[in-house]
Amino acid sequence: MQPENEPGGQERRSFIEEARRAQIVSATIETIAEIGYAKASFVQIARRAGISPGLITYHFVKREELMKQVMLTVHTSIDQALGARAEGAESYAAALRALIEGFVFYAAERPKEMIAIGQIAAASRDAEAARSWFEEQNAKTLAELEDMFREGQREGELREFSPRVMAVSVLAAMEAAPAELMARPDTGVAVYARELADLFEHAMRRPASEATSS
């Protein structure tokens, strides 16, 4: 029996079961980062986790279930990290800066996680469920950014622009950061994060003349 497949299974999992699942997810991230998504079989993952492949199938019957859990775990980690940085921001521009800079720093500090979710999202066949979840998360992020931009415009802090276009542009720029940092390891992370945040702050800021007259 697989407790996670039962209704309400999340609540019934013991501390040991949760710890084992976290261990498997961590080993999966390590495996994908080291040998790639295509070769990340249960055997390879089990070898890195120091457990039997059968123990993985006890917790994750299908490979796509495990890959989806990797996506969920990493995205939850990202959300927590960015939420902590944006908490207490005194303006919409400051909140966006915290999100952008926070993501760049996260990508620099956790390259294996970024490699794993990137490869899973780009994969086909048995990763379909994981990719669908990834697309849902992107849609949610875009909607949240759009809402933030509209609120900033209503409050008079941000200039008039298409919230959708700006949200898509911000998300695309953030998603491009991990690959850039990996391709150019000598990149100054702090400088990259600041410049990227500056770019969008300048793009959204109301002209000084408008701010003065209002």
N, C-alpha and C. Protein backbone atom coordinates (compact mmCIF):
# COMPACT_ATOMS: atom_id res chain seq x y z
N MET A 1 0.84 -1.21 0.00
CA MET A 1 0.00 0.00 0.00
C MET A 1 0.86 1.25 0.00
N GLN A 2 0.41 2.26 -0.68
CA GLN A 2 1.12 3.53 -0.73
C GLN A 2 0.28 4.58 -0.01
N PRO A 3 0.67 4.97 1.19
CA PRO A 3 -0.17 5.89 1.95
C PRO A 3 -0.45 7.20 1.27
N GLU A 4 0.48 7.67 0.39
CA GLU A 4 0.25 8.97 -0.23
C GLU A 4 -0.83 8.93 -1.28
N ASN A 5 -1.26 7.72 -1.71
CA ASN A 5 -2.29 7.62 -2.73
C ASN A 5 -3.68 7.55 -2.13
N GLU A 6 -3.78 7.44 -0.80
CA GLU A 6 -5.07 7.36 -0.16
C GLU A 6 -5.62 8.75 0.10
N PRO A 7 -6.95 8.91 0.10
CA PRO A 7 -7.52 10.22 0.42
C PRO A 7 -7.05 10.67 1.79
N GLY A 8 -6.59 11.89 1.85
CA GLY A 8 -6.09 12.40 3.12
C GLY A 8 -4.77 11.81 3.52
N GLY A 9 -4.07 11.16 2.59
CA GLY A 9 -2.81 10.50 2.91
C GLY A 9 -1.77 11.44 3.46
N GLN A 10 -1.80 12.71 3.00
CA GLN A 10 -0.82 13.68 3.45
C GLN A 10 -0.87 13.82 4.97
N GLU A 11 -2.09 13.84 5.54
CA GLU A 11 -2.24 14.02 6.97
C GLU A 11 -1.80 12.78 7.74
N ARG A 12 -1.94 11.60 7.12
CA ARG A 12 -1.65 10.36 7.84
C ARG A 12 -0.20 9.94 7.75
N ARG A 13 0.61 10.60 6.92
CA ARG A 13 2.00 10.21 6.82
C ARG A 13 2.72 10.50 8.13
N SER A 14 3.57 9.56 8.52
CA SER A 14 4.34 9.76 9.74
C SER A 14 5.55 10.64 9.45
N PHE A 15 6.19 11.06 10.52
CA PHE A 15 7.40 11.85 10.38
C PHE A 15 8.45 11.07 9.59
N ILE A 16 8.55 9.78 9.85
CA ILE A 16 9.54 8.95 9.16
C ILE A 16 9.23 8.87 7.67
N GLU A 17 7.95 8.74 7.33
CA GLU A 17 7.57 8.68 5.91
C GLU A 17 7.88 10.00 5.21
N GLU A 18 7.59 11.11 5.87
CA GLU A 18 7.88 12.40 5.27
C GLU A 18 9.38 12.58 5.09
N ALA A 19 10.15 12.15 6.08
CA ALA A 19 11.61 12.26 5.99
C ALA A 19 12.14 11.41 4.85
N ARG A 20 11.57 10.22 4.66
CA ARG A 20 12.01 9.33 3.58
C ARG A 20 11.67 9.94 2.23
N ARG A 21 10.48 10.51 2.09
CA ARG A 21 10.10 11.14 0.84
C ARG A 21 11.02 12.32 0.53
N ALA A 22 11.35 13.10 1.56
CA ALA A 22 12.26 14.23 1.37
C ALA A 22 13.64 13.73 0.94
N GLN A 23 14.08 12.62 1.50
CA GLN A 23 15.36 12.03 1.12
C GLN A 23 15.35 11.61 -0.34
N ILE A 24 14.26 11.01 -0.77
CA ILE A 24 14.14 10.55 -2.16
C ILE A 24 14.12 11.75 -3.11
N VAL A 25 13.38 12.78 -2.76
CA VAL A 25 13.32 13.99 -3.59
C VAL A 25 14.71 14.61 -3.71
N SER A 26 15.42 14.71 -2.59
CA SER A 26 16.77 15.27 -2.61
C SER A 26 17.69 14.45 -3.50
N ALA A 27 17.60 13.12 -3.40
CA ALA A 27 18.43 12.25 -4.23
C ALA A 27 18.06 12.38 -5.71
N THR A 28 16.78 12.61 -5.99
CA THR A 28 16.34 12.79 -7.37
C THR A 28 16.94 14.06 -7.95
N ILE A 29 16.93 15.13 -7.18
CA ILE A 29 17.52 16.40 -7.63
C ILE A 29 19.01 16.19 -7.92
N GLU A 30 19.71 15.52 -7.02
CA GLU A 30 21.14 15.25 -7.20
C GLU A 30 21.38 14.43 -8.46
N THR A 31 20.53 13.43 -8.68
CA THR A 31 20.70 12.54 -9.83
C THR A 31 20.49 13.27 -11.14
N ILE A 32 19.41 14.05 -11.23
CA ILE A 32 19.13 14.79 -12.46
C ILE A 32 20.25 15.79 -12.74
N ALA A 33 20.71 16.48 -11.70
CA ALA A 33 21.78 17.46 -11.88
C ALA A 33 23.07 16.80 -12.35
N GLU A 34 23.29 15.57 -11.91
CA GLU A 34 24.55 14.88 -12.23
C GLU A 34 24.51 14.16 -13.57
N ILE A 35 23.43 13.41 -13.85
CA ILE A 35 23.42 12.59 -15.07
C ILE A 35 22.28 12.93 -16.03
N GLY A 36 21.42 13.87 -15.65
CA GLY A 36 20.33 14.27 -16.54
C GLY A 36 19.03 13.56 -16.27
N TYR A 37 17.94 14.20 -16.68
CA TYR A 37 16.60 13.67 -16.44
C TYR A 37 16.41 12.29 -17.07
N ALA A 38 16.84 12.13 -18.31
CA ALA A 38 16.58 10.89 -19.05
C ALA A 38 17.17 9.67 -18.35
N LYS A 39 18.31 9.85 -17.70
CA LYS A 39 18.98 8.71 -17.06
C LYS A 39 18.64 8.57 -15.58
N ALA A 40 17.79 9.44 -15.09
CA ALA A 40 17.46 9.42 -13.67
C ALA A 40 16.41 8.36 -13.36
N SER A 41 16.82 7.10 -13.41
CA SER A 41 15.92 5.98 -13.12
C SER A 41 15.81 5.78 -11.61
N PHE A 42 14.84 4.98 -11.20
CA PHE A 42 14.71 4.66 -9.78
C PHE A 42 15.98 3.99 -9.26
N VAL A 43 16.63 3.19 -10.09
CA VAL A 43 17.86 2.51 -9.68
C VAL A 43 18.95 3.54 -9.39
N GLN A 44 19.11 4.51 -10.28
CA GLN A 44 20.13 5.53 -10.10
C GLN A 44 19.82 6.41 -8.88
N ILE A 45 18.54 6.75 -8.73
CA ILE A 45 18.15 7.59 -7.59
C ILE A 45 18.36 6.83 -6.28
N ALA A 46 17.98 5.56 -6.26
CA ALA A 46 18.13 4.75 -5.06
C ALA A 46 19.60 4.63 -4.68
N ARG A 47 20.46 4.52 -5.67
CA ARG A 47 21.90 4.40 -5.41
C ARG A 47 22.41 5.64 -4.69
N ARG A 48 21.97 6.80 -5.12
CA ARG A 48 22.43 8.03 -4.48
C ARG A 48 21.80 8.23 -3.12
N ALA A 49 20.60 7.71 -2.93
CA ALA A 49 19.92 7.85 -1.64
C ALA A 49 20.36 6.78 -0.64
N GLY A 50 21.04 5.75 -1.14
CA GLY A 50 21.47 4.66 -0.27
C GLY A 50 20.32 3.79 0.19
N ILE A 51 19.32 3.62 -0.69
CA ILE A 51 18.16 2.79 -0.36
C ILE A 51 17.88 1.86 -1.53
N SER A 52 16.88 1.00 -1.39
CA SER A 52 16.52 0.10 -2.48
C SER A 52 15.52 0.76 -3.41
N PRO A 53 15.52 0.40 -4.70
CA PRO A 53 14.52 0.97 -5.62
C PRO A 53 13.10 0.68 -5.17
N GLY A 54 12.91 -0.46 -4.51
CA GLY A 54 11.57 -0.81 -4.04
C GLY A 54 11.03 0.17 -3.02
N LEU A 55 11.92 0.77 -2.25
CA LEU A 55 11.47 1.75 -1.26
C LEU A 55 10.98 3.01 -1.95
N ILE A 56 11.55 3.32 -3.10
CA ILE A 56 11.06 4.49 -3.85
C ILE A 56 9.66 4.21 -4.37
N THR A 57 9.44 3.04 -4.93
CA THR A 57 8.12 2.72 -5.48
C THR A 57 7.06 2.60 -4.39
N TYR A 58 7.48 2.36 -3.16
CA TYR A 58 6.53 2.36 -2.05
C TYR A 58 5.93 3.75 -1.87
N HIS A 59 6.77 4.76 -2.01
CA HIS A 59 6.32 6.14 -1.82
C HIS A 59 5.85 6.80 -3.10
N PHE A 60 6.42 6.41 -4.23
CA PHE A 60 6.06 7.00 -5.52
C PHE A 60 5.90 5.86 -6.53
N VAL A 61 4.66 5.48 -6.80
CA VAL A 61 4.40 4.34 -7.68
C VAL A 61 4.94 4.58 -9.07
N LYS A 62 4.72 5.78 -9.59
CA LYS A 62 5.17 6.10 -10.94
C LYS A 62 6.27 7.15 -10.90
N ARG A 63 7.09 7.14 -11.92
CA ARG A 63 8.18 8.12 -12.02
C ARG A 63 7.64 9.55 -12.09
N GLU A 64 6.52 9.71 -12.80
CA GLU A 64 5.96 11.05 -12.94
C GLU A 64 5.49 11.60 -11.60
N GLU A 65 5.06 10.72 -10.69
CA GLU A 65 4.65 11.18 -9.36
C GLU A 65 5.84 11.75 -8.61
N LEU A 66 6.97 11.08 -8.73
CA LEU A 66 8.19 11.56 -8.08
C LEU A 66 8.64 12.89 -8.69
N MET A 67 8.60 12.98 -10.01
CA MET A 67 9.03 14.21 -10.67
C MET A 67 8.13 15.38 -10.32
N LYS A 68 6.85 15.11 -10.19
CA LYS A 68 5.92 16.17 -9.80
C LYS A 68 6.22 16.63 -8.38
N GLN A 69 6.58 15.69 -7.52
CA GLN A 69 6.91 16.05 -6.14
C GLN A 69 8.19 16.88 -6.09
N VAL A 70 9.14 16.59 -6.97
CA VAL A 70 10.35 17.40 -7.05
C VAL A 70 9.97 18.84 -7.41
N MET A 71 9.12 18.98 -8.41
CA MET A 71 8.68 20.31 -8.83
C MET A 71 8.00 21.05 -7.68
N LEU A 72 7.11 20.34 -6.98
CA LEU A 72 6.37 20.94 -5.88
C LEU A 72 7.32 21.37 -4.76
N THR A 73 8.26 20.50 -4.43
CA THR A 73 9.20 20.79 -3.35
C THR A 73 10.06 22.01 -3.67
N VAL A 74 10.60 22.06 -4.88
CA VAL A 74 11.47 23.17 -5.24
C VAL A 74 10.68 24.47 -5.33
N HIS A 75 9.51 24.43 -5.93
CA HIS A 75 8.72 25.66 -6.07
C HIS A 75 8.23 26.16 -4.72
N THR A 76 7.93 25.25 -3.81
CA THR A 76 7.55 25.66 -2.46
C THR A 76 8.73 26.34 -1.78
N SER A 77 9.91 25.78 -1.97
CA SER A 77 11.12 26.37 -1.41
C SER A 77 11.36 27.77 -1.98
N ILE A 78 11.18 27.92 -3.28
CA ILE A 78 11.35 29.23 -3.91
C ILE A 78 10.33 30.23 -3.37
N ASP A 79 9.08 29.81 -3.29
CA ASP A 79 8.03 30.70 -2.78
C ASP A 79 8.33 31.17 -1.37
N GLN A 80 8.81 30.26 -0.52
CA GLN A 80 9.14 30.62 0.85
C GLN A 80 10.30 31.61 0.90
N ALA A 81 11.31 31.37 0.07
CA ALA A 81 12.48 32.25 0.06
C ALA A 81 12.11 33.65 -0.44
N LEU A 82 11.32 33.71 -1.51
CA LEU A 82 10.95 35.01 -2.06
C LEU A 82 9.95 35.73 -1.16
N GLY A 83 9.06 34.97 -0.55
CA GLY A 83 8.09 35.57 0.35
C GLY A 83 8.77 36.23 1.54
N ALA A 84 9.82 35.58 2.03
CA ALA A 84 10.56 36.13 3.17
C ALA A 84 11.25 37.43 2.79
N ARG A 85 11.76 37.51 1.57
CA ARG A 85 12.46 38.72 1.13
C ARG A 85 11.48 39.87 0.88
N ALA A 86 10.29 39.54 0.35
CA ALA A 86 9.33 40.58 -0.02
C ALA A 86 8.50 41.05 1.17
N GLU A 87 8.53 40.29 2.24
CA GLU A 87 7.71 40.65 3.40
C GLU A 87 8.13 42.02 3.96
N GLY A 88 7.15 42.86 4.17
CA GLY A 88 7.43 44.17 4.72
C GLY A 88 7.85 45.21 3.70
N ALA A 89 7.82 44.87 2.40
CA ALA A 89 8.17 45.85 1.37
C ALA A 89 7.23 47.04 1.45
N GLU A 90 7.78 48.24 1.37
CA GLU A 90 7.00 49.46 1.57
C GLU A 90 6.41 50.03 0.28
N SER A 91 6.71 49.42 -0.85
CA SER A 91 6.14 49.89 -2.11
C SER A 91 6.06 48.72 -3.08
N TYR A 92 5.31 48.91 -4.16
CA TYR A 92 5.19 47.86 -5.16
C TYR A 92 6.52 47.63 -5.86
N ALA A 93 7.25 48.71 -6.11
CA ALA A 93 8.55 48.59 -6.75
C ALA A 93 9.52 47.82 -5.85
N ALA A 94 9.45 48.09 -4.55
CA ALA A 94 10.32 47.40 -3.60
C ALA A 94 9.97 45.92 -3.53
N ALA A 95 8.68 45.61 -3.59
CA ALA A 95 8.25 44.21 -3.55
C ALA A 95 8.75 43.46 -4.78
N LEU A 96 8.63 44.09 -5.95
CA LEU A 96 9.10 43.44 -7.16
C LEU A 96 10.62 43.27 -7.13
N ARG A 97 11.32 44.28 -6.64
CA ARG A 97 12.78 44.18 -6.53
C ARG A 97 13.16 43.00 -5.62
N ALA A 98 12.46 42.84 -4.53
CA ALA A 98 12.74 41.74 -3.61
C ALA A 98 12.53 40.39 -4.29
N LEU A 99 11.47 40.29 -5.09
CA LEU A 99 11.18 39.04 -5.79
C LEU A 99 12.26 38.72 -6.83
N ILE A 100 12.61 39.73 -7.63
CA ILE A 100 13.59 39.51 -8.70
C ILE A 100 14.96 39.19 -8.11
N GLU A 101 15.42 40.01 -7.20
CA GLU A 101 16.73 39.79 -6.61
C GLU A 101 16.76 38.47 -5.82
N GLY A 102 15.67 38.19 -5.13
CA GLY A 102 15.61 36.95 -4.37
C GLY A 102 15.71 35.73 -5.25
N PHE A 103 15.05 35.77 -6.41
CA PHE A 103 15.10 34.62 -7.31
C PHE A 103 16.49 34.44 -7.89
N VAL A 104 17.14 35.52 -8.26
CA VAL A 104 18.49 35.43 -8.81
C VAL A 104 19.44 34.81 -7.77
N PHE A 105 19.36 35.28 -6.54
CA PHE A 105 20.21 34.72 -5.49
C PHE A 105 19.88 33.25 -5.23
N TYR A 106 18.60 32.91 -5.25
CA TYR A 106 18.20 31.52 -5.04
C TYR A 106 18.79 30.64 -6.14
N ALA A 107 18.68 31.10 -7.38
CA ALA A 107 19.20 30.32 -8.52
C ALA A 107 20.70 30.13 -8.40
N ALA A 108 21.40 31.16 -7.91
CA ALA A 108 22.86 31.06 -7.77
C ALA A 108 23.24 30.10 -6.64
N GLU A 109 22.43 30.10 -5.59
CA GLU A 109 22.76 29.28 -4.42
C GLU A 109 22.27 27.85 -4.56
N ARG A 110 21.26 27.61 -5.39
CA ARG A 110 20.67 26.27 -5.52
C ARG A 110 20.64 25.83 -6.98
N PRO A 111 21.81 25.72 -7.63
CA PRO A 111 21.82 25.38 -9.06
C PRO A 111 21.26 23.99 -9.36
N LYS A 112 21.47 23.03 -8.48
CA LYS A 112 20.97 21.68 -8.75
C LYS A 112 19.45 21.65 -8.81
N GLU A 113 18.82 22.39 -7.92
CA GLU A 113 17.36 22.46 -7.94
C GLU A 113 16.87 23.08 -9.24
N MET A 114 17.55 24.13 -9.70
CA MET A 114 17.13 24.80 -10.92
C MET A 114 17.32 23.90 -12.13
N ILE A 115 18.42 23.13 -12.14
CA ILE A 115 18.65 22.18 -13.23
C ILE A 115 17.54 21.13 -13.25
N ALA A 116 17.21 20.62 -12.08
CA ALA A 116 16.21 19.55 -11.99
C ALA A 116 14.85 20.01 -12.50
N ILE A 117 14.35 21.14 -12.00
CA ILE A 117 13.02 21.55 -12.43
C ILE A 117 13.02 22.00 -13.89
N GLY A 118 14.15 22.53 -14.35
CA GLY A 118 14.24 22.92 -15.75
C GLY A 118 14.15 21.72 -16.68
N GLN A 119 14.87 20.66 -16.32
CA GLN A 119 14.85 19.46 -17.16
C GLN A 119 13.51 18.74 -17.10
N ILE A 120 12.91 18.72 -15.93
CA ILE A 120 11.60 18.07 -15.81
C ILE A 120 10.56 18.82 -16.64
N ALA A 121 10.59 20.15 -16.55
CA ALA A 121 9.62 20.96 -17.29
C ALA A 121 9.78 20.81 -18.80
N ALA A 122 11.01 20.57 -19.24
CA ALA A 122 11.27 20.45 -20.68
C ALA A 122 11.08 19.03 -21.19
N ALA A 123 10.95 18.09 -20.27
CA ALA A 123 10.86 16.68 -20.68
C ALA A 123 9.48 16.35 -21.28
N SER A 124 9.39 15.18 -21.86
CA SER A 124 8.13 14.74 -22.46
C SER A 124 7.74 13.37 -21.89
N ARG A 125 6.71 12.81 -22.46
CA ARG A 125 6.21 11.48 -22.11
C ARG A 125 5.82 11.38 -20.64
N ASP A 126 6.56 10.67 -19.82
CA ASP A 126 6.11 10.39 -18.46
C ASP A 126 6.18 11.61 -17.55
N ALA A 127 6.73 12.71 -18.02
CA ALA A 127 6.76 13.93 -17.20
C ALA A 127 5.59 14.86 -17.52
N GLU A 128 4.63 14.37 -18.29
CA GLU A 128 3.52 15.21 -18.72
C GLU A 128 2.79 15.83 -17.53
N ALA A 129 2.53 15.02 -16.49
CA ALA A 129 1.82 15.54 -15.32
C ALA A 129 2.63 16.63 -14.63
N ALA A 130 3.93 16.40 -14.54
CA ALA A 130 4.79 17.40 -13.89
C ALA A 130 4.83 18.68 -14.71
N ARG A 131 4.90 18.56 -16.03
CA ARG A 131 4.95 19.74 -16.87
C ARG A 131 3.64 20.52 -16.80
N SER A 132 2.52 19.77 -16.73
CA SER A 132 1.22 20.44 -16.62
C SER A 132 1.15 21.24 -15.32
N TRP A 133 1.68 20.64 -14.26
CA TRP A 133 1.69 21.35 -12.99
C TRP A 133 2.56 22.59 -13.07
N PHE A 134 3.69 22.47 -13.76
CA PHE A 134 4.60 23.60 -13.93
C PHE A 134 3.90 24.74 -14.67
N GLU A 135 3.14 24.40 -15.69
CA GLU A 135 2.42 25.41 -16.46
C GLU A 135 1.35 26.08 -15.59
N GLU A 136 0.72 25.30 -14.72
CA GLU A 136 -0.28 25.87 -13.82
C GLU A 136 0.38 26.86 -12.85
N GLN A 137 1.56 26.50 -12.37
CA GLN A 137 2.28 27.39 -11.47
C GLN A 137 2.67 28.69 -12.16
N ASN A 138 3.10 28.58 -13.42
CA ASN A 138 3.45 29.78 -14.19
C ASN A 138 2.24 30.69 -14.36
N ALA A 139 1.09 30.07 -14.66
CA ALA A 139 -0.13 30.86 -14.83
C ALA A 139 -0.49 31.57 -13.53
N LYS A 140 -0.32 30.89 -12.41
CA LYS A 140 -0.61 31.48 -11.11
C LYS A 140 0.33 32.65 -10.82
N THR A 141 1.63 32.45 -11.12
CA THR A 141 2.61 33.51 -10.90
C THR A 141 2.30 34.73 -11.75
N LEU A 142 1.96 34.49 -13.02
CA LEU A 142 1.63 35.61 -13.92
C LEU A 142 0.42 36.37 -13.39
N ALA A 143 -0.59 35.65 -12.92
CA ALA A 143 -1.79 36.31 -12.41
C ALA A 143 -1.46 37.15 -11.18
N GLU A 144 -0.60 36.64 -10.30
CA GLU A 144 -0.22 37.39 -9.10
C GLU A 144 0.56 38.65 -9.45
N LEU A 145 1.46 38.54 -10.44
CA LEU A 145 2.21 39.71 -10.86
C LEU A 145 1.28 40.75 -11.50
N GLU A 146 0.35 40.28 -12.34
CA GLU A 146 -0.60 41.20 -12.96
C GLU A 146 -1.39 41.95 -11.90
N ASP A 147 -1.86 41.23 -10.89
CA ASP A 147 -2.64 41.86 -9.82
C ASP A 147 -1.81 42.91 -9.09
N MET A 148 -0.53 42.58 -8.82
CA MET A 148 0.33 43.53 -8.13
C MET A 148 0.53 44.79 -8.96
N PHE A 149 0.74 44.63 -10.26
CA PHE A 149 0.94 45.79 -11.13
C PHE A 149 -0.32 46.65 -11.21
N ARG A 150 -1.48 46.02 -11.30
CA ARG A 150 -2.73 46.79 -11.36
C ARG A 150 -2.94 47.58 -10.08
N GLU A 151 -2.64 46.95 -8.95
CA GLU A 151 -2.79 47.65 -7.67
C GLU A 151 -1.85 48.85 -7.60
N GLY A 152 -0.61 48.65 -8.07
CA GLY A 152 0.35 49.73 -8.08
C GLY A 152 -0.09 50.88 -8.97
N GLN A 153 -0.74 50.55 -10.08
CA GLN A 153 -1.25 51.59 -10.97
C GLN A 153 -2.43 52.33 -10.33
N ARG A 154 -3.31 51.58 -9.68
CA ARG A 154 -4.45 52.22 -9.01
C ARG A 154 -3.99 53.16 -7.89
N GLU A 155 -2.92 52.77 -7.22
CA GLU A 155 -2.39 53.58 -6.13
C GLU A 155 -1.58 54.77 -6.64
N GLY A 156 -1.33 54.80 -7.95
CA GLY A 156 -0.60 55.92 -8.52
C GLY A 156 0.91 55.79 -8.44
N GLU A 157 1.41 54.65 -7.97
CA GLU A 157 2.85 54.47 -7.87
C GLU A 157 3.47 54.09 -9.21
N LEU A 158 2.76 53.28 -9.99
CA LEU A 158 3.29 52.80 -11.26
C LEU A 158 2.64 53.52 -12.43
N ARG A 159 3.39 53.66 -13.51
CA ARG A 159 2.85 54.30 -14.71
C ARG A 159 1.86 53.36 -15.40
N GLU A 160 1.19 53.87 -16.41
CA GLU A 160 0.25 53.05 -17.16
C GLU A 160 1.01 52.15 -18.14
N PHE A 161 0.76 50.87 -18.07
CA PHE A 161 1.31 49.89 -19.01
C PHE A 161 0.43 48.64 -18.94
N SER A 162 0.64 47.71 -19.84
CA SER A 162 -0.12 46.47 -19.82
C SER A 162 0.41 45.56 -18.71
N PRO A 163 -0.37 45.29 -17.67
CA PRO A 163 0.10 44.40 -16.61
C PRO A 163 0.47 43.02 -17.12
N ARG A 164 -0.26 42.56 -18.12
CA ARG A 164 0.04 41.22 -18.67
C ARG A 164 1.40 41.21 -19.36
N VAL A 165 1.65 42.19 -20.22
CA VAL A 165 2.94 42.24 -20.93
C VAL A 165 4.09 42.36 -19.94
N MET A 166 3.92 43.20 -18.93
CA MET A 166 4.98 43.38 -17.95
C MET A 166 5.19 42.10 -17.13
N ALA A 167 4.12 41.43 -16.77
CA ALA A 167 4.23 40.19 -15.99
C ALA A 167 4.96 39.11 -16.79
N VAL A 168 4.59 38.96 -18.05
CA VAL A 168 5.25 37.98 -18.91
C VAL A 168 6.73 38.30 -19.05
N SER A 169 7.04 39.58 -19.21
CA SER A 169 8.43 40.00 -19.38
C SER A 169 9.25 39.75 -18.12
N VAL A 170 8.69 40.07 -16.96
CA VAL A 170 9.39 39.85 -15.69
C VAL A 170 9.65 38.36 -15.49
N LEU A 171 8.63 37.54 -15.70
CA LEU A 171 8.79 36.10 -15.48
C LEU A 171 9.81 35.51 -16.44
N ALA A 172 9.77 35.94 -17.70
CA ALA A 172 10.73 35.44 -18.69
C ALA A 172 12.15 35.81 -18.31
N ALA A 173 12.34 37.05 -17.84
CA ALA A 173 13.67 37.49 -17.44
C ALA A 173 14.18 36.71 -16.23
N MET A 174 13.30 36.43 -15.30
CA MET A 174 13.69 35.65 -14.13
C MET A 174 14.05 34.22 -14.52
N GLU A 175 13.25 33.64 -15.40
CA GLU A 175 13.50 32.25 -15.81
C GLU A 175 14.79 32.12 -16.60
N ALA A 176 15.23 33.20 -17.23
CA ALA A 176 16.47 33.16 -18.00
C ALA A 176 17.70 33.26 -17.11
N ALA A 177 17.53 33.74 -15.90
CA ALA A 177 18.66 33.96 -15.00
C ALA A 177 19.45 32.70 -14.66
N PRO A 178 18.81 31.58 -14.30
CA PRO A 178 19.59 30.39 -13.94
C PRO A 178 20.53 29.92 -15.04
N ALA A 179 20.06 29.90 -16.27
CA ALA A 179 20.91 29.45 -17.38
C ALA A 179 22.09 30.39 -17.58
N GLU A 180 21.85 31.68 -17.45
CA GLU A 180 22.92 32.67 -17.60
C GLU A 180 23.98 32.50 -16.50
N LEU A 181 23.53 32.30 -15.28
CA LEU A 181 24.47 32.14 -14.17
C LEU A 181 25.29 30.86 -14.31
N MET A 182 24.66 29.80 -14.84
CA MET A 182 25.38 28.53 -15.03
C MET A 182 26.36 28.62 -16.19
N ALA A 183 25.94 29.31 -17.25
CA ALA A 183 26.79 29.43 -18.43
C ALA A 183 27.99 30.34 -18.16
N ARG A 184 27.81 31.30 -17.26
CA ARG A 184 28.88 32.25 -16.95
C ARG A 184 29.08 32.30 -15.44
N PRO A 185 29.78 31.31 -14.90
CA PRO A 185 29.95 31.20 -13.45
C PRO A 185 30.70 32.36 -12.81
N ASP A 186 31.38 33.16 -13.64
CA ASP A 186 32.10 34.31 -13.08
C ASP A 186 31.20 35.54 -12.95
N THR A 187 29.93 35.39 -13.29
CA THR A 187 28.99 36.51 -13.20
C THR A 187 28.85 36.98 -11.76
N GLY A 188 28.87 38.27 -11.55
CA GLY A 188 28.63 38.81 -10.22
C GLY A 188 27.15 38.72 -9.91
N VAL A 189 26.78 37.83 -9.02
CA VAL A 189 25.37 37.57 -8.75
C VAL A 189 24.66 38.82 -8.22
N ALA A 190 25.27 39.51 -7.29
CA ALA A 190 24.65 40.70 -6.72
C ALA A 190 24.42 41.78 -7.78
N VAL A 191 25.41 41.94 -8.65
CA VAL A 191 25.29 42.94 -9.72
C VAL A 191 24.19 42.54 -10.69
N TYR A 192 24.17 41.27 -11.07
CA TYR A 192 23.14 40.78 -12.00
C TYR A 192 21.75 41.01 -11.41
N ALA A 193 21.60 40.64 -10.14
CA ALA A 193 20.29 40.78 -9.48
C ALA A 193 19.88 42.25 -9.43
N ARG A 194 20.79 43.12 -9.08
CA ARG A 194 20.47 44.54 -8.97
C ARG A 194 20.13 45.15 -10.33
N GLU A 195 20.91 44.81 -11.36
CA GLU A 195 20.66 45.36 -12.70
C GLU A 195 19.32 44.90 -13.24
N LEU A 196 18.98 43.64 -13.00
CA LEU A 196 17.70 43.12 -13.50
C LEU A 196 16.54 43.82 -12.80
N ALA A 197 16.67 44.01 -11.50
CA ALA A 197 15.62 44.70 -10.75
C ALA A 197 15.53 46.16 -11.19
N ASP A 198 16.68 46.79 -11.41
CA ASP A 198 16.70 48.19 -11.88
C ASP A 198 15.95 48.33 -13.20
N LEU A 199 16.19 47.37 -14.09
CA LEU A 199 15.58 47.40 -15.42
C LEU A 199 14.07 47.51 -15.33
N PHE A 200 13.47 46.67 -14.50
CA PHE A 200 12.01 46.66 -14.42
C PHE A 200 11.49 47.79 -13.54
N GLU A 201 12.27 48.22 -12.58
CA GLU A 201 11.83 49.37 -11.79
C GLU A 201 11.75 50.61 -12.67
N HIS A 202 12.75 50.82 -13.52
CA HIS A 202 12.72 51.95 -14.43
C HIS A 202 11.59 51.82 -15.45
N ALA A 203 11.31 50.59 -15.86
CA ALA A 203 10.25 50.36 -16.86
C ALA A 203 8.87 50.66 -16.29
N MET A 204 8.70 50.49 -14.99
CA MET A 204 7.38 50.66 -14.37
C MET A 204 7.17 52.02 -13.72
N ARG A 205 8.27 52.67 -13.39
CA ARG A 205 8.18 53.91 -12.62
C ARG A 205 7.47 55.02 -13.40
N ARG A 206 6.66 55.79 -12.70
CA ARG A 206 6.00 56.94 -13.33
C ARG A 206 7.04 58.01 -13.61
N PRO A 207 6.93 58.72 -14.73
CA PRO A 207 7.87 59.82 -15.02
C PRO A 207 7.82 60.83 -13.89
N ALA A 208 8.95 61.46 -13.62
CA ALA A 208 9.04 62.43 -12.53
C ALA A 208 8.01 63.56 -12.70
N SER A 209 7.78 63.97 -13.94
CA SER A 209 6.82 65.06 -14.19
C SER A 209 5.40 64.68 -13.76
N GLU A 210 5.03 63.42 -14.03
CA GLU A 210 3.69 62.95 -13.63
C GLU A 210 3.58 62.84 -12.12
N ALA A 211 4.65 62.33 -11.50
CA ALA A 211 4.63 62.15 -10.05
C ALA A 211 4.52 63.49 -9.35
N THR A 212 5.18 64.53 -9.91
CA THR A 212 5.17 65.85 -9.31
C THR A 212 3.81 66.53 -9.43
N SER A 213 3.19 66.34 -10.61
CA SER A 213 1.92 67.02 -10.87
C SER A 213 0.74 66.38 -10.17
N SER A 214 0.89 65.10 -9.76
CA SER A 214 -0.27 64.40 -9.19
C SER A 214 -0.49 64.71 -7.73
